[in-house]
Amino acid sequence: MLRSTIVVSNRLGLHARAAAKLVTLASMFESDITLSRADPSTTANARSILNVLTLAAVEGTTLEVVAAGADEAAALEAVSGLFNSGFGED
């Protein structure tokens, strides 16, 4: 299991289009990928767009990403890269 902290950097936050990109990316990996806000009761499966949208992650929100599975390192790197790129929107 690998963990990383990321900050939502795109101006519109983790809205529907960005969440869809995340879900598509997460579905490419065997590993389970979860996102959590600082409040530990708010956790989302990165393969579920509804779960991801419930995070209500606006610009500047800090999230913890956890990847667990056979390809966890690649999954964590890909998800972090997507967030760092601003989902290609900025």
Protein backbone atom coordinates (compact mmCIF):
# COMPACT_ATOMS: atom_id res chain seq x y z
CA MET A 1 0.00 0.00 0.00
CA LEU A 2 1.35 3.39 -1.03
CA ARG A 3 0.11 6.84 0.06
CA SER A 4 0.57 10.34 -1.26
CA THR A 5 -0.85 13.74 -0.43
CA ILE A 6 -2.03 15.89 -3.33
CA VAL A 7 -3.64 19.29 -3.69
CA VAL A 8 -6.42 19.97 -6.17
CA SER A 9 -4.81 22.65 -8.33
CA ASN A 10 -7.22 23.25 -11.17
CA ARG A 11 -9.46 26.30 -10.96
CA LEU A 12 -12.73 24.36 -11.18
CA GLY A 13 -11.73 21.72 -8.63
CA LEU A 14 -12.72 18.08 -8.93
CA HIS A 15 -15.88 18.70 -10.97
CA ALA A 16 -17.69 16.19 -13.22
CA ARG A 17 -15.30 16.29 -16.20
CA ALA A 18 -12.20 16.02 -14.01
CA ALA A 19 -13.82 13.26 -11.94
CA ALA A 20 -14.61 11.34 -15.14
CA LYS A 21 -10.95 11.57 -16.20
CA LEU A 22 -9.90 10.28 -12.79
CA VAL A 23 -12.36 7.37 -12.90
CA THR A 24 -11.21 6.42 -16.41
CA LEU A 25 -7.58 6.49 -15.31
CA ALA A 26 -8.21 4.56 -12.08
CA SER A 27 -10.10 1.87 -14.00
CA MET A 28 -6.95 1.11 -16.01
CA PHE A 29 -5.18 -0.27 -12.95
CA GLU A 30 -5.64 -3.48 -11.01
CA SER A 31 -4.90 -1.72 -7.71
CA ASP A 32 -7.61 -0.26 -5.53
CA ILE A 33 -7.30 3.53 -5.41
CA THR A 34 -9.01 5.65 -2.78
CA LEU A 35 -9.07 9.37 -2.11
CA SER A 36 -9.69 10.89 1.32
CA ARG A 37 -10.23 14.39 2.62
CA ALA A 38 -8.75 15.44 5.96
CA ASP A 39 -11.97 14.21 7.56
CA PRO A 40 -11.39 10.43 7.62
CA SER A 41 -15.10 9.74 7.19
CA THR A 42 -14.97 11.22 3.67
CA THR A 43 -13.33 8.58 1.48
CA ALA A 44 -13.99 7.82 -2.17
CA ASN A 45 -13.29 4.89 -4.44
CA ALA A 46 -11.50 6.42 -7.44
CA ARG A 47 -13.41 4.08 -9.79
CA SER A 48 -16.78 5.57 -8.85
CA ILE A 49 -17.67 8.98 -10.23
CA LEU A 50 -20.39 9.44 -7.61
CA ASN A 51 -17.93 8.65 -4.81
CA VAL A 52 -15.37 11.06 -6.25
CA LEU A 53 -17.91 13.87 -6.61
CA THR A 54 -19.01 13.46 -2.96
CA LEU A 55 -15.55 14.67 -1.93
CA ALA A 56 -16.61 18.17 -3.05
CA ALA A 57 -12.94 18.94 -3.64
CA VAL A 58 -12.56 22.55 -4.75
CA GLU A 59 -9.31 24.21 -5.77
CA GLY A 60 -6.85 24.03 -2.88
CA THR A 61 -8.38 20.95 -1.25
CA THR A 62 -5.79 18.53 0.12
CA LEU A 63 -6.48 14.86 -0.52
CA GLU A 64 -4.69 11.68 0.46
CA VAL A 65 -4.42 9.11 -2.32
CA VAL A 66 -3.94 5.46 -1.37
CA ALA A 67 -3.14 2.76 -3.92
CA ALA A 68 -3.04 -0.90 -2.93
CA GLY A 69 -2.37 -3.78 -5.27
CA ALA A 70 -0.01 -5.29 -7.81
CA ASP A 71 0.51 -2.05 -9.78
CA GLU A 72 0.16 0.40 -6.89
CA ALA A 73 3.31 2.41 -7.70
CA ALA A 74 2.25 3.01 -11.30
CA ALA A 75 -1.32 3.79 -10.22
CA LEU A 76 -0.21 6.33 -7.62
CA GLU A 77 2.18 7.97 -10.07
CA ALA A 78 -0.52 8.23 -12.76
CA VAL A 79 -3.15 9.68 -10.40
CA SER A 80 -0.68 12.17 -8.94
CA GLY A 81 0.33 13.18 -12.46
CA LEU A 82 -3.30 13.79 -13.42
CA PHE A 83 -3.84 16.06 -10.41
CA ASN A 84 -0.50 17.85 -10.94
CA SER A 85 -1.43 18.56 -14.56
CA GLY A 86 -4.65 20.25 -13.45
CA PHE A 87 -6.56 17.58 -15.40
CA GLY A 88 -5.37 19.30 -18.57
CA GLU A 89 -7.68 22.23 -17.91
CA ASP A 90 -5.32 25.01 -16.90
